[in-house]
Amino acid sequence: MVLDGFVKPKEALALALLFAALGSAIGFYLNAVSKGNVILLIGIGALFLVFNYNGVPLQLVNKGVGEVGIFLAWGPLMVSGAYYVQAQTFSSLWPLVVAFPPGILTTLVLLINEFADKEADFASGRKTWVILFGYKKSMRIYLALALSCYALVLTGVLFGGWPLWSLLVLATLPLPFMAYRIGLKNIGNWVGFLPAVKTTILMNFVFSAILSVSFLV
């Protein structure tokens, strides 16, 4: 949106700072009503990773680990923070394991969007996974990471006491294969590639919604 001129850089920065402030305010409240300063530490860690995705001094995306930062912020940090607010303790490592699929799926949304942006990202000094590994290998990484989410749910049900309802995520199993097939077929044809992006967003939303609701049923 910024590169194509739909949004000015200063407008994007102002909006980002606004939402960071609103999120931080909510975080301070949740920390105040929770034991200790666990939420405060998680929030600081998440803000650090999100800011340093593009920002100085780390600029994670310029070092080839931007995707890792997004995974940590949107997966282990966010989900474990939500868990702690409700449970006020970490009784085992399983809450951390259940945080992996949302983090991975959000990273896949980022990854699939990097394909069409490869040239622009390269020109600006970024080192995204698509730049580092190329189109075809990045698509294989995409599929492997997507399938790992289903393996994690199966592992949780078998060994972690996760509800059987969480197996309903298997209904979304065709989606990563669809996105992989469409993406691989349309590399370079970014209009034809777009359905792979939409399918990834749909997979992220439906998978995460089913997994979340399964723990509430």
N, C-alpha and C. Protein backbone atom coordinates (compact mmCIF):
# COMPACT_ATOMS: atom_id res chain seq x y z
N MET A 1 0.82 -1.20 0.00
CA MET A 1 0.00 0.00 0.00
C MET A 1 0.86 1.26 0.00
N VAL A 2 1.98 1.22 0.75
CA VAL A 2 2.88 2.37 0.79
C VAL A 2 3.65 2.50 -0.51
N LEU A 3 4.17 1.37 -1.00
CA LEU A 3 4.97 1.39 -2.24
C LEU A 3 4.15 1.87 -3.43
N ASP A 4 2.88 1.50 -3.46
CA ASP A 4 2.02 1.89 -4.59
C ASP A 4 1.37 3.26 -4.39
N GLY A 5 1.66 3.91 -3.28
CA GLY A 5 1.20 5.28 -3.08
C GLY A 5 -0.20 5.43 -2.53
N PHE A 6 -0.84 4.32 -2.15
CA PHE A 6 -2.19 4.42 -1.58
C PHE A 6 -2.16 5.02 -0.17
N VAL A 7 -1.08 4.77 0.55
CA VAL A 7 -0.91 5.29 1.90
C VAL A 7 0.46 5.95 1.98
N LYS A 8 0.51 7.15 2.55
CA LYS A 8 1.78 7.84 2.70
C LYS A 8 2.56 7.24 3.88
N PRO A 9 3.90 7.24 3.81
CA PRO A 9 4.70 6.67 4.91
C PRO A 9 4.38 7.27 6.27
N LYS A 10 4.19 8.57 6.34
CA LYS A 10 3.89 9.22 7.62
C LYS A 10 2.53 8.77 8.14
N GLU A 11 1.57 8.56 7.23
CA GLU A 11 0.25 8.09 7.64
C GLU A 11 0.34 6.66 8.19
N ALA A 12 1.12 5.83 7.52
CA ALA A 12 1.30 4.45 7.99
C ALA A 12 1.96 4.41 9.35
N LEU A 13 2.97 5.27 9.54
CA LEU A 13 3.66 5.34 10.83
C LEU A 13 2.72 5.82 11.93
N ALA A 14 1.94 6.85 11.63
CA ALA A 14 1.02 7.39 12.64
C ALA A 14 -0.01 6.34 13.04
N LEU A 15 -0.53 5.60 12.06
CA LEU A 15 -1.52 4.57 12.36
C LEU A 15 -0.90 3.44 13.18
N ALA A 16 0.33 3.06 12.82
CA ALA A 16 1.02 2.00 13.56
C ALA A 16 1.25 2.42 15.01
N LEU A 17 1.68 3.64 15.22
CA LEU A 17 1.92 4.14 16.58
C LEU A 17 0.61 4.22 17.38
N LEU A 18 -0.48 4.61 16.70
CA LEU A 18 -1.77 4.69 17.37
C LEU A 18 -2.20 3.33 17.89
N PHE A 19 -2.11 2.32 17.03
CA PHE A 19 -2.53 0.98 17.45
C PHE A 19 -1.57 0.40 18.47
N ALA A 20 -0.29 0.74 18.38
CA ALA A 20 0.67 0.28 19.39
C ALA A 20 0.33 0.89 20.75
N ALA A 21 -0.08 2.15 20.75
CA ALA A 21 -0.46 2.81 22.00
C ALA A 21 -1.72 2.21 22.58
N LEU A 22 -2.72 1.95 21.72
CA LEU A 22 -3.96 1.35 22.20
C LEU A 22 -3.71 -0.06 22.74
N GLY A 23 -2.93 -0.83 22.02
CA GLY A 23 -2.61 -2.18 22.47
C GLY A 23 -1.84 -2.16 23.78
N SER A 24 -0.92 -1.22 23.91
CA SER A 24 -0.14 -1.11 25.14
C SER A 24 -1.01 -0.72 26.32
N ALA A 25 -1.97 0.16 26.08
CA ALA A 25 -2.88 0.56 27.16
C ALA A 25 -3.68 -0.65 27.66
N ILE A 26 -4.17 -1.47 26.74
CA ILE A 26 -4.88 -2.68 27.13
C ILE A 26 -3.94 -3.62 27.89
N GLY A 27 -2.70 -3.71 27.40
CA GLY A 27 -1.71 -4.56 28.06
C GLY A 27 -1.42 -4.12 29.49
N PHE A 28 -1.31 -2.82 29.70
CA PHE A 28 -1.06 -2.31 31.06
C PHE A 28 -2.23 -2.67 31.98
N TYR A 29 -3.44 -2.58 31.45
CA TYR A 29 -4.61 -2.94 32.26
C TYR A 29 -4.58 -4.42 32.62
N LEU A 30 -4.33 -5.27 31.63
CA LEU A 30 -4.30 -6.71 31.88
C LEU A 30 -3.18 -7.08 32.84
N ASN A 31 -2.07 -6.37 32.75
CA ASN A 31 -0.97 -6.62 33.69
C ASN A 31 -1.37 -6.22 35.11
N ALA A 32 -2.13 -5.13 35.21
CA ALA A 32 -2.54 -4.65 36.54
C ALA A 32 -3.49 -5.62 37.23
N VAL A 33 -4.31 -6.35 36.45
CA VAL A 33 -5.28 -7.27 37.05
C VAL A 33 -4.76 -8.70 37.09
N SER A 34 -3.50 -8.89 36.71
CA SER A 34 -2.89 -10.23 36.74
C SER A 34 -1.78 -10.28 37.77
N LYS A 35 -1.40 -11.49 38.15
CA LYS A 35 -0.33 -11.66 39.13
C LYS A 35 1.02 -11.35 38.50
N GLY A 36 1.85 -10.62 39.24
CA GLY A 36 3.20 -10.33 38.78
C GLY A 36 3.20 -9.41 37.57
N ASN A 37 4.31 -9.45 36.82
CA ASN A 37 4.46 -8.60 35.64
C ASN A 37 4.69 -9.44 34.38
N VAL A 38 4.08 -10.62 34.36
CA VAL A 38 4.26 -11.51 33.22
C VAL A 38 3.73 -10.87 31.94
N ILE A 39 2.54 -10.27 32.00
CA ILE A 39 1.94 -9.66 30.82
C ILE A 39 2.76 -8.46 30.36
N LEU A 40 3.30 -7.71 31.30
CA LEU A 40 4.15 -6.58 30.94
C LEU A 40 5.38 -7.05 30.16
N LEU A 41 6.02 -8.11 30.64
CA LEU A 41 7.22 -8.63 29.97
C LEU A 41 6.88 -9.19 28.59
N ILE A 42 5.76 -9.89 28.50
CA ILE A 42 5.34 -10.43 27.20
C ILE A 42 5.04 -9.29 26.23
N GLY A 43 4.36 -8.27 26.71
CA GLY A 43 4.04 -7.13 25.86
C GLY A 43 5.27 -6.40 25.37
N ILE A 44 6.23 -6.20 26.26
CA ILE A 44 7.48 -5.54 25.86
C ILE A 44 8.20 -6.37 24.80
N GLY A 45 8.22 -7.69 25.02
CA GLY A 45 8.87 -8.57 24.04
C GLY A 45 8.19 -8.52 22.69
N ALA A 46 6.86 -8.52 22.68
CA ALA A 46 6.11 -8.48 21.42
C ALA A 46 6.33 -7.16 20.70
N LEU A 47 6.26 -6.04 21.43
CA LEU A 47 6.49 -4.73 20.82
C LEU A 47 7.91 -4.64 20.25
N PHE A 48 8.87 -5.19 20.98
CA PHE A 48 10.25 -5.18 20.53
C PHE A 48 10.39 -5.91 19.20
N LEU A 49 9.76 -7.08 19.10
CA LEU A 49 9.87 -7.87 17.87
C LEU A 49 9.15 -7.21 16.71
N VAL A 50 7.94 -6.72 16.96
CA VAL A 50 7.16 -6.10 15.90
C VAL A 50 7.85 -4.84 15.39
N PHE A 51 8.36 -4.00 16.30
CA PHE A 51 9.03 -2.78 15.88
C PHE A 51 10.30 -3.09 15.11
N ASN A 52 11.07 -4.06 15.62
CA ASN A 52 12.35 -4.36 15.00
C ASN A 52 12.24 -5.24 13.77
N TYR A 53 11.02 -5.60 13.37
CA TYR A 53 10.85 -6.28 12.09
C TYR A 53 11.40 -5.39 10.97
N ASN A 54 11.02 -4.13 11.02
CA ASN A 54 11.53 -3.15 10.05
C ASN A 54 12.44 -2.12 10.69
N GLY A 55 12.23 -1.85 11.97
CA GLY A 55 12.88 -0.72 12.62
C GLY A 55 14.29 -1.01 13.09
N VAL A 56 15.00 0.06 13.38
CA VAL A 56 16.35 -0.04 13.93
C VAL A 56 16.24 -0.28 15.43
N PRO A 57 17.23 -0.94 16.04
CA PRO A 57 18.52 -1.26 15.43
C PRO A 57 18.59 -2.61 14.73
N LEU A 58 17.66 -3.51 14.98
CA LEU A 58 17.82 -4.88 14.49
C LEU A 58 17.43 -5.07 13.03
N GLN A 59 16.29 -4.45 12.62
CA GLN A 59 15.79 -4.63 11.25
C GLN A 59 15.84 -6.12 10.87
N LEU A 60 15.04 -6.90 11.58
CA LEU A 60 15.07 -8.36 11.42
C LEU A 60 14.85 -8.80 9.98
N VAL A 61 13.98 -8.10 9.26
CA VAL A 61 13.68 -8.48 7.89
C VAL A 61 14.89 -8.32 6.98
N ASN A 62 15.83 -7.48 7.37
CA ASN A 62 17.06 -7.30 6.57
C ASN A 62 18.11 -8.34 6.91
N LYS A 63 17.84 -9.17 7.90
CA LYS A 63 18.81 -10.19 8.32
C LYS A 63 18.29 -11.60 8.07
N GLY A 64 17.16 -11.72 7.42
CA GLY A 64 16.62 -13.03 7.08
C GLY A 64 15.86 -13.72 8.19
N VAL A 65 15.55 -13.00 9.27
CA VAL A 65 14.84 -13.61 10.39
C VAL A 65 13.57 -12.84 10.74
N GLY A 66 13.08 -12.03 9.82
CA GLY A 66 11.85 -11.29 10.06
C GLY A 66 10.67 -12.22 10.29
N GLU A 67 10.65 -13.33 9.54
CA GLU A 67 9.57 -14.30 9.69
C GLU A 67 9.58 -14.94 11.08
N VAL A 68 10.77 -15.16 11.62
CA VAL A 68 10.89 -15.74 12.96
C VAL A 68 10.33 -14.77 14.01
N GLY A 69 10.64 -13.50 13.84
CA GLY A 69 10.13 -12.49 14.77
C GLY A 69 8.62 -12.42 14.76
N ILE A 70 8.01 -12.48 13.55
CA ILE A 70 6.56 -12.45 13.45
C ILE A 70 5.95 -13.70 14.08
N PHE A 71 6.59 -14.86 13.85
CA PHE A 71 6.10 -16.11 14.46
C PHE A 71 6.08 -15.99 15.98
N LEU A 72 7.15 -15.49 16.58
CA LEU A 72 7.23 -15.39 18.03
C LEU A 72 6.19 -14.41 18.58
N ALA A 73 6.01 -13.28 17.89
CA ALA A 73 5.09 -12.26 18.38
C ALA A 73 3.64 -12.72 18.27
N TRP A 74 3.29 -13.35 17.14
CA TRP A 74 1.90 -13.72 16.89
C TRP A 74 1.56 -15.12 17.38
N GLY A 75 2.56 -15.86 17.82
CA GLY A 75 2.34 -17.21 18.30
C GLY A 75 2.60 -17.33 19.79
N PRO A 76 3.81 -17.78 20.18
CA PRO A 76 4.10 -18.01 21.60
C PRO A 76 3.82 -16.83 22.51
N LEU A 77 4.20 -15.62 22.12
CA LEU A 77 4.00 -14.48 23.02
C LEU A 77 2.51 -14.13 23.16
N MET A 78 1.82 -14.00 22.04
CA MET A 78 0.42 -13.58 22.09
C MET A 78 -0.47 -14.62 22.77
N VAL A 79 -0.32 -15.88 22.37
CA VAL A 79 -1.20 -16.92 22.91
C VAL A 79 -0.88 -17.22 24.38
N SER A 80 0.41 -17.28 24.71
CA SER A 80 0.77 -17.53 26.11
C SER A 80 0.33 -16.38 27.00
N GLY A 81 0.35 -15.16 26.47
CA GLY A 81 -0.15 -14.02 27.23
C GLY A 81 -1.64 -14.13 27.50
N ALA A 82 -2.40 -14.51 26.46
CA ALA A 82 -3.84 -14.70 26.63
C ALA A 82 -4.13 -15.81 27.63
N TYR A 83 -3.34 -16.88 27.56
CA TYR A 83 -3.53 -18.00 28.49
C TYR A 83 -3.26 -17.56 29.93
N TYR A 84 -2.19 -16.80 30.12
CA TYR A 84 -1.82 -16.41 31.48
C TYR A 84 -2.87 -15.48 32.10
N VAL A 85 -3.44 -14.59 31.30
CA VAL A 85 -4.48 -13.69 31.81
C VAL A 85 -5.64 -14.49 32.40
N GLN A 86 -5.97 -15.61 31.77
CA GLN A 86 -7.11 -16.41 32.22
C GLN A 86 -6.75 -17.42 33.30
N ALA A 87 -5.56 -18.03 33.19
CA ALA A 87 -5.18 -19.08 34.14
C ALA A 87 -4.34 -18.57 35.30
N GLN A 88 -3.68 -17.41 35.11
CA GLN A 88 -2.81 -16.82 36.12
C GLN A 88 -1.62 -17.71 36.48
N THR A 89 -1.32 -18.67 35.62
CA THR A 89 -0.16 -19.54 35.84
C THR A 89 0.15 -20.29 34.55
N PHE A 90 1.35 -20.84 34.46
CA PHE A 90 1.71 -21.74 33.38
C PHE A 90 1.91 -23.12 33.99
N SER A 91 0.88 -23.95 33.87
CA SER A 91 0.91 -25.25 34.54
C SER A 91 1.75 -26.28 33.80
N SER A 92 1.98 -26.08 32.50
CA SER A 92 2.77 -27.02 31.72
C SER A 92 3.26 -26.32 30.46
N LEU A 93 3.94 -27.07 29.61
CA LEU A 93 4.44 -26.52 28.35
C LEU A 93 3.39 -26.57 27.24
N TRP A 94 2.28 -27.26 27.46
CA TRP A 94 1.28 -27.42 26.41
C TRP A 94 0.65 -26.11 25.97
N PRO A 95 0.42 -25.14 26.88
CA PRO A 95 -0.07 -23.84 26.39
C PRO A 95 0.88 -23.19 25.40
N LEU A 96 2.18 -23.46 25.55
CA LEU A 96 3.14 -22.91 24.61
C LEU A 96 3.07 -23.65 23.27
N VAL A 97 2.84 -24.97 23.34
CA VAL A 97 2.73 -25.76 22.11
C VAL A 97 1.51 -25.34 21.30
N VAL A 98 0.39 -25.09 21.97
CA VAL A 98 -0.82 -24.71 21.25
C VAL A 98 -0.67 -23.33 20.62
N ALA A 99 0.35 -22.59 21.05
CA ALA A 99 0.61 -21.27 20.48
C ALA A 99 1.34 -21.35 19.15
N PHE A 100 1.92 -22.51 18.85
CA PHE A 100 2.71 -22.62 17.63
C PHE A 100 1.86 -22.51 16.35
N PRO A 101 0.72 -23.23 16.23
CA PRO A 101 -0.04 -23.11 14.99
C PRO A 101 -0.46 -21.68 14.62
N PRO A 102 -1.01 -20.87 15.54
CA PRO A 102 -1.34 -19.50 15.16
C PRO A 102 -0.12 -18.71 14.70
N GLY A 103 1.02 -18.92 15.37
CA GLY A 103 2.24 -18.23 14.96
C GLY A 103 2.71 -18.65 13.59
N ILE A 104 2.67 -19.96 13.33
CA ILE A 104 3.08 -20.48 12.03
C ILE A 104 2.15 -19.98 10.93
N LEU A 105 0.84 -20.04 11.17
CA LEU A 105 -0.12 -19.64 10.15
C LEU A 105 -0.01 -18.16 9.82
N THR A 106 0.23 -17.32 10.83
CA THR A 106 0.43 -15.90 10.57
C THR A 106 1.70 -15.68 9.77
N THR A 107 2.74 -16.45 10.08
CA THR A 107 3.99 -16.36 9.32
C THR A 107 3.77 -16.77 7.87
N LEU A 108 2.89 -17.75 7.64
CA LEU A 108 2.60 -18.18 6.27
C LEU A 108 1.89 -17.08 5.48
N VAL A 109 1.03 -16.32 6.15
CA VAL A 109 0.39 -15.18 5.48
C VAL A 109 1.46 -14.18 5.04
N LEU A 110 2.42 -13.94 5.91
CA LEU A 110 3.53 -13.06 5.57
C LEU A 110 4.33 -13.64 4.41
N LEU A 111 4.66 -14.93 4.51
CA LEU A 111 5.51 -15.58 3.51
C LEU A 111 4.86 -15.57 2.13
N ILE A 112 3.58 -15.91 2.04
CA ILE A 112 2.92 -15.98 0.74
C ILE A 112 2.80 -14.61 0.10
N ASN A 113 2.77 -13.55 0.92
CA ASN A 113 2.73 -12.18 0.39
C ASN A 113 4.09 -11.71 -0.07
N GLU A 114 5.16 -12.40 0.33
CA GLU A 114 6.50 -12.00 -0.06
C GLU A 114 6.82 -12.34 -1.51
N PHE A 115 6.07 -13.26 -2.11
CA PHE A 115 6.38 -13.70 -3.47
C PHE A 115 6.28 -12.56 -4.48
N ALA A 116 5.14 -11.89 -4.49
CA ALA A 116 4.94 -10.80 -5.45
C ALA A 116 5.80 -9.59 -5.12
N ASP A 117 6.27 -9.49 -3.87
CA ASP A 117 7.06 -8.34 -3.44
C ASP A 117 8.57 -8.58 -3.53
N LYS A 118 8.97 -9.70 -4.12
CA LYS A 118 10.38 -10.09 -4.09
C LYS A 118 11.29 -9.00 -4.65
N GLU A 119 10.98 -8.47 -5.81
CA GLU A 119 11.85 -7.49 -6.45
C GLU A 119 11.91 -6.20 -5.64
N ALA A 120 10.75 -5.74 -5.17
CA ALA A 120 10.72 -4.51 -4.37
C ALA A 120 11.46 -4.70 -3.05
N ASP A 121 11.29 -5.87 -2.43
CA ASP A 121 11.98 -6.17 -1.17
C ASP A 121 13.49 -6.22 -1.38
N PHE A 122 13.91 -6.85 -2.48
CA PHE A 122 15.35 -6.95 -2.77
C PHE A 122 15.96 -5.57 -2.99
N ALA A 123 15.23 -4.72 -3.70
CA ALA A 123 15.72 -3.37 -3.98
C ALA A 123 15.88 -2.53 -2.72
N SER A 124 15.06 -2.84 -1.70
CA SER A 124 15.11 -2.06 -0.45
C SER A 124 16.04 -2.68 0.59
N GLY A 125 16.75 -3.75 0.22
CA GLY A 125 17.72 -4.37 1.13
C GLY A 125 17.17 -5.44 2.03
N ARG A 126 15.93 -5.82 1.82
CA ARG A 126 15.34 -6.87 2.65
C ARG A 126 15.90 -8.24 2.26
N LYS A 127 15.84 -9.15 3.23
CA LYS A 127 16.25 -10.53 2.98
C LYS A 127 15.14 -11.46 3.48
N THR A 128 14.04 -11.42 2.75
CA THR A 128 12.93 -12.30 3.09
C THR A 128 13.29 -13.73 2.71
N TRP A 129 12.49 -14.68 3.18
CA TRP A 129 12.77 -16.09 2.85
C TRP A 129 12.64 -16.34 1.36
N VAL A 130 11.73 -15.63 0.69
CA VAL A 130 11.59 -15.81 -0.75
C VAL A 130 12.86 -15.37 -1.47
N ILE A 131 13.48 -14.31 -0.99
CA ILE A 131 14.74 -13.84 -1.57
C ILE A 131 15.87 -14.82 -1.25
N LEU A 132 15.91 -15.31 -0.02
CA LEU A 132 17.00 -16.20 0.40
C LEU A 132 16.90 -17.58 -0.23
N PHE A 133 15.68 -18.12 -0.35
CA PHE A 133 15.52 -19.51 -0.79
C PHE A 133 14.98 -19.66 -2.21
N GLY A 134 14.48 -18.58 -2.78
CA GLY A 134 13.90 -18.68 -4.12
C GLY A 134 12.44 -19.08 -4.07
N TYR A 135 11.79 -18.98 -5.22
CA TYR A 135 10.35 -19.21 -5.29
C TYR A 135 9.96 -20.65 -4.94
N LYS A 136 10.54 -21.61 -5.64
CA LYS A 136 10.08 -22.99 -5.49
C LYS A 136 10.40 -23.56 -4.11
N LYS A 137 11.61 -23.30 -3.60
CA LYS A 137 11.96 -23.80 -2.28
C LYS A 137 11.10 -23.13 -1.21
N SER A 138 10.77 -21.87 -1.39
CA SER A 138 9.91 -21.17 -0.44
C SER A 138 8.51 -21.76 -0.43
N MET A 139 8.03 -22.20 -1.60
CA MET A 139 6.72 -22.86 -1.64
C MET A 139 6.76 -24.18 -0.90
N ARG A 140 7.88 -24.91 -0.99
CA ARG A 140 8.00 -26.17 -0.25
C ARG A 140 8.07 -25.91 1.25
N ILE A 141 8.78 -24.84 1.64
CA ILE A 141 8.82 -24.45 3.05
C ILE A 141 7.41 -24.09 3.53
N TYR A 142 6.69 -23.38 2.70
CA TYR A 142 5.30 -23.00 3.01
C TYR A 142 4.47 -24.24 3.32
N LEU A 143 4.51 -25.23 2.44
CA LEU A 143 3.69 -26.43 2.62
C LEU A 143 4.12 -27.21 3.86
N ALA A 144 5.43 -27.33 4.07
CA ALA A 144 5.92 -28.08 5.24
C ALA A 144 5.48 -27.42 6.53
N LEU A 145 5.57 -26.09 6.61
CA LEU A 145 5.14 -25.39 7.82
C LEU A 145 3.64 -25.52 8.03
N ALA A 146 2.88 -25.42 6.95
CA ALA A 146 1.42 -25.56 7.07
C ALA A 146 1.05 -26.94 7.61
N LEU A 147 1.66 -27.98 7.08
CA LEU A 147 1.35 -29.33 7.51
C LEU A 147 1.80 -29.58 8.96
N SER A 148 2.84 -28.86 9.39
CA SER A 148 3.30 -29.03 10.77
C SER A 148 2.23 -28.59 11.77
N CYS A 149 1.36 -27.67 11.36
CA CYS A 149 0.28 -27.23 12.26
C CYS A 149 -0.68 -28.37 12.55
N TYR A 150 -0.98 -29.14 11.53
CA TYR A 150 -1.88 -30.29 11.71
C TYR A 150 -1.20 -31.37 12.55
N ALA A 151 0.10 -31.56 12.34
CA ALA A 151 0.84 -32.54 13.13
C ALA A 151 0.87 -32.15 14.60
N LEU A 152 0.97 -30.84 14.87
CA LEU A 152 0.98 -30.36 16.25
C LEU A 152 -0.36 -30.62 16.93
N VAL A 153 -1.46 -30.42 16.20
CA VAL A 153 -2.78 -30.67 16.78
C VAL A 153 -2.94 -32.16 17.08
N LEU A 154 -2.54 -33.02 16.17
CA LEU A 154 -2.62 -34.46 16.41
C LEU A 154 -1.79 -34.85 17.63
N THR A 155 -0.60 -34.26 17.74
CA THR A 155 0.27 -34.54 18.90
C THR A 155 -0.40 -34.08 20.19
N GLY A 156 -1.02 -32.90 20.15
CA GLY A 156 -1.70 -32.39 21.34
C GLY A 156 -2.85 -33.26 21.79
N VAL A 157 -3.62 -33.76 20.83
CA VAL A 157 -4.75 -34.64 21.17
C VAL A 157 -4.26 -35.96 21.75
N LEU A 158 -3.20 -36.51 21.15
CA LEU A 158 -2.71 -37.82 21.57
C LEU A 158 -1.95 -37.78 22.89
N PHE A 159 -1.20 -36.71 23.11
CA PHE A 159 -0.31 -36.69 24.28
C PHE A 159 -0.53 -35.51 25.23
N GLY A 160 -1.24 -34.50 24.80
CA GLY A 160 -1.38 -33.31 25.63
C GLY A 160 -2.74 -33.09 26.24
N GLY A 161 -3.66 -34.01 26.00
CA GLY A 161 -4.99 -33.84 26.57
C GLY A 161 -5.83 -32.79 25.88
N TRP A 162 -5.48 -32.41 24.65
CA TRP A 162 -6.29 -31.44 23.92
C TRP A 162 -7.65 -32.06 23.59
N PRO A 163 -8.69 -31.25 23.49
CA PRO A 163 -10.03 -31.79 23.20
C PRO A 163 -10.09 -32.43 21.82
N LEU A 164 -10.89 -33.49 21.72
CA LEU A 164 -11.05 -34.16 20.43
C LEU A 164 -11.64 -33.22 19.38
N TRP A 165 -12.40 -32.22 19.85
CA TRP A 165 -12.99 -31.25 18.92
C TRP A 165 -11.93 -30.53 18.10
N SER A 166 -10.71 -30.44 18.63
CA SER A 166 -9.66 -29.72 17.90
C SER A 166 -9.27 -30.44 16.61
N LEU A 167 -9.62 -31.74 16.51
CA LEU A 167 -9.34 -32.48 15.28
C LEU A 167 -10.18 -31.98 14.10
N LEU A 168 -11.17 -31.15 14.39
CA LEU A 168 -11.97 -30.57 13.30
C LEU A 168 -11.13 -29.66 12.41
N VAL A 169 -9.94 -29.26 12.89
CA VAL A 169 -9.06 -28.46 12.02
C VAL A 169 -8.68 -29.25 10.77
N LEU A 170 -8.78 -30.57 10.83
CA LEU A 170 -8.44 -31.40 9.68
C LEU A 170 -9.36 -31.10 8.48
N ALA A 171 -10.51 -30.49 8.75
CA ALA A 171 -11.41 -30.11 7.66
C ALA A 171 -10.77 -29.07 6.75
N THR A 172 -9.78 -28.34 7.28
CA THR A 172 -9.10 -27.32 6.47
C THR A 172 -7.86 -27.87 5.76
N LEU A 173 -7.59 -29.16 5.90
CA LEU A 173 -6.37 -29.74 5.34
C LEU A 173 -6.23 -29.54 3.83
N PRO A 174 -7.32 -29.53 3.06
CA PRO A 174 -7.14 -29.28 1.61
C PRO A 174 -6.58 -27.89 1.29
N LEU A 175 -6.78 -26.92 2.18
CA LEU A 175 -6.41 -25.53 1.87
C LEU A 175 -4.91 -25.34 1.62
N PRO A 176 -4.01 -25.86 2.47
CA PRO A 176 -2.59 -25.65 2.16
C PRO A 176 -2.16 -26.30 0.85
N PHE A 177 -2.75 -27.44 0.51
CA PHE A 177 -2.43 -28.07 -0.77
C PHE A 177 -2.94 -27.24 -1.94
N MET A 178 -4.13 -26.65 -1.77
CA MET A 178 -4.67 -25.77 -2.81
C MET A 178 -3.77 -24.56 -3.01
N ALA A 179 -3.38 -23.93 -1.90
CA ALA A 179 -2.53 -22.75 -2.00
C ALA A 179 -1.17 -23.09 -2.61
N TYR A 180 -0.63 -24.24 -2.22
CA TYR A 180 0.66 -24.69 -2.76
C TYR A 180 0.57 -24.92 -4.26
N ARG A 181 -0.48 -25.60 -4.69
CA ARG A 181 -0.63 -25.92 -6.12
C ARG A 181 -0.85 -24.64 -6.94
N ILE A 182 -1.71 -23.77 -6.45
CA ILE A 182 -1.97 -22.51 -7.16
C ILE A 182 -0.72 -21.65 -7.21
N GLY A 183 -0.04 -21.55 -6.07
CA GLY A 183 1.16 -20.73 -6.00
C GLY A 183 2.26 -21.22 -6.92
N LEU A 184 2.51 -22.53 -6.91
CA LEU A 184 3.57 -23.10 -7.73
C LEU A 184 3.27 -22.92 -9.22
N LYS A 185 2.00 -23.03 -9.58
CA LYS A 185 1.61 -22.93 -10.98
C LYS A 185 1.68 -21.50 -11.49
N ASN A 186 1.54 -20.51 -10.61
CA ASN A 186 1.40 -19.11 -11.05
C ASN A 186 2.55 -18.22 -10.59
N ILE A 187 3.71 -18.80 -10.32
CA ILE A 187 4.87 -17.98 -9.97
C ILE A 187 5.20 -17.06 -11.14
N GLY A 188 5.23 -15.79 -10.89
CA GLY A 188 5.47 -14.80 -11.94
C GLY A 188 4.19 -14.22 -12.50
N ASN A 189 3.09 -14.93 -12.39
CA ASN A 189 1.77 -14.43 -12.79
C ASN A 189 1.03 -14.05 -11.52
N TRP A 190 1.27 -12.83 -11.03
CA TRP A 190 0.84 -12.47 -9.69
C TRP A 190 -0.67 -12.31 -9.57
N VAL A 191 -1.34 -12.04 -10.70
CA VAL A 191 -2.81 -12.01 -10.66
C VAL A 191 -3.34 -13.43 -10.43
N GLY A 192 -2.75 -14.40 -11.11
CA GLY A 192 -3.13 -15.79 -10.91
C GLY A 192 -2.67 -16.33 -9.58
N PHE A 193 -1.63 -15.72 -9.01
CA PHE A 193 -1.07 -16.15 -7.73
C PHE A 193 -1.95 -15.70 -6.56
N LEU A 194 -2.73 -14.64 -6.76
CA LEU A 194 -3.52 -14.03 -5.68
C LEU A 194 -4.43 -15.01 -4.94
N PRO A 195 -5.09 -15.97 -5.62
CA PRO A 195 -5.91 -16.92 -4.87
C PRO A 195 -5.13 -17.72 -3.84
N ALA A 196 -3.83 -17.94 -4.05
CA ALA A 196 -3.01 -18.62 -3.04
C ALA A 196 -2.90 -17.78 -1.78
N VAL A 197 -2.81 -16.47 -1.96
CA VAL A 197 -2.77 -15.55 -0.80
C VAL A 197 -4.10 -15.60 -0.06
N LYS A 198 -5.20 -15.52 -0.80
CA LYS A 198 -6.53 -15.55 -0.18
C LYS A 198 -6.78 -16.87 0.54
N THR A 199 -6.34 -17.97 -0.07
CA THR A 199 -6.52 -19.29 0.56
C THR A 199 -5.73 -19.38 1.85
N THR A 200 -4.55 -18.79 1.88
CA THR A 200 -3.72 -18.81 3.08
C THR A 200 -4.39 -18.02 4.21
N ILE A 201 -4.93 -16.87 3.87
CA ILE A 201 -5.64 -16.06 4.87
C ILE A 201 -6.85 -16.82 5.41
N LEU A 202 -7.58 -17.47 4.51
CA LEU A 202 -8.74 -18.27 4.92
C LEU A 202 -8.31 -19.42 5.83
N MET A 203 -7.24 -20.11 5.48
CA MET A 203 -6.73 -21.21 6.31
C MET A 203 -6.36 -20.70 7.70
N ASN A 204 -5.67 -19.58 7.74
CA ASN A 204 -5.26 -19.00 9.02
C ASN A 204 -6.47 -18.72 9.90
N PHE A 205 -7.48 -18.10 9.32
CA PHE A 205 -8.66 -17.71 10.11
C PHE A 205 -9.46 -18.93 10.58
N VAL A 206 -9.78 -19.83 9.65
CA VAL A 206 -10.65 -20.96 9.99
C VAL A 206 -9.94 -21.92 10.93
N PHE A 207 -8.69 -22.26 10.65
CA PHE A 207 -7.92 -23.16 11.51
C PHE A 207 -7.84 -22.61 12.93
N SER A 208 -7.46 -21.34 13.05
CA SER A 208 -7.31 -20.74 14.38
C SER A 208 -8.64 -20.65 15.11
N ALA A 209 -9.71 -20.34 14.37
CA ALA A 209 -11.04 -20.24 14.99
C ALA A 209 -11.48 -21.60 15.52
N ILE A 210 -11.31 -22.65 14.71
CA ILE A 210 -11.72 -23.98 15.14
C ILE A 210 -10.90 -24.41 16.35
N LEU A 211 -9.60 -24.20 16.31
CA LEU A 211 -8.74 -24.62 17.43
C LEU A 211 -9.11 -23.87 18.71
N SER A 212 -9.38 -22.58 18.59
CA SER A 212 -9.75 -21.78 19.76
C SER A 212 -11.08 -22.24 20.36
N VAL A 213 -12.07 -22.41 19.50
CA VAL A 213 -13.40 -22.78 19.98
C VAL A 213 -13.38 -24.18 20.58
N SER A 214 -12.52 -25.07 20.05
CA SER A 214 -12.48 -26.43 20.57
C SER A 214 -12.10 -26.49 22.04
N PHE A 215 -11.33 -25.51 22.50
CA PHE A 215 -10.93 -25.48 23.91
C PHE A 215 -12.02 -24.87 24.79
N LEU A 216 -13.03 -24.29 24.17
CA LEU A 216 -14.12 -23.68 24.93
C LEU A 216 -15.34 -24.57 25.03
N VAL A 217 -15.46 -25.52 24.10
CA VAL A 217 -16.64 -26.39 24.06
C VAL A 217 -16.67 -27.32 25.26
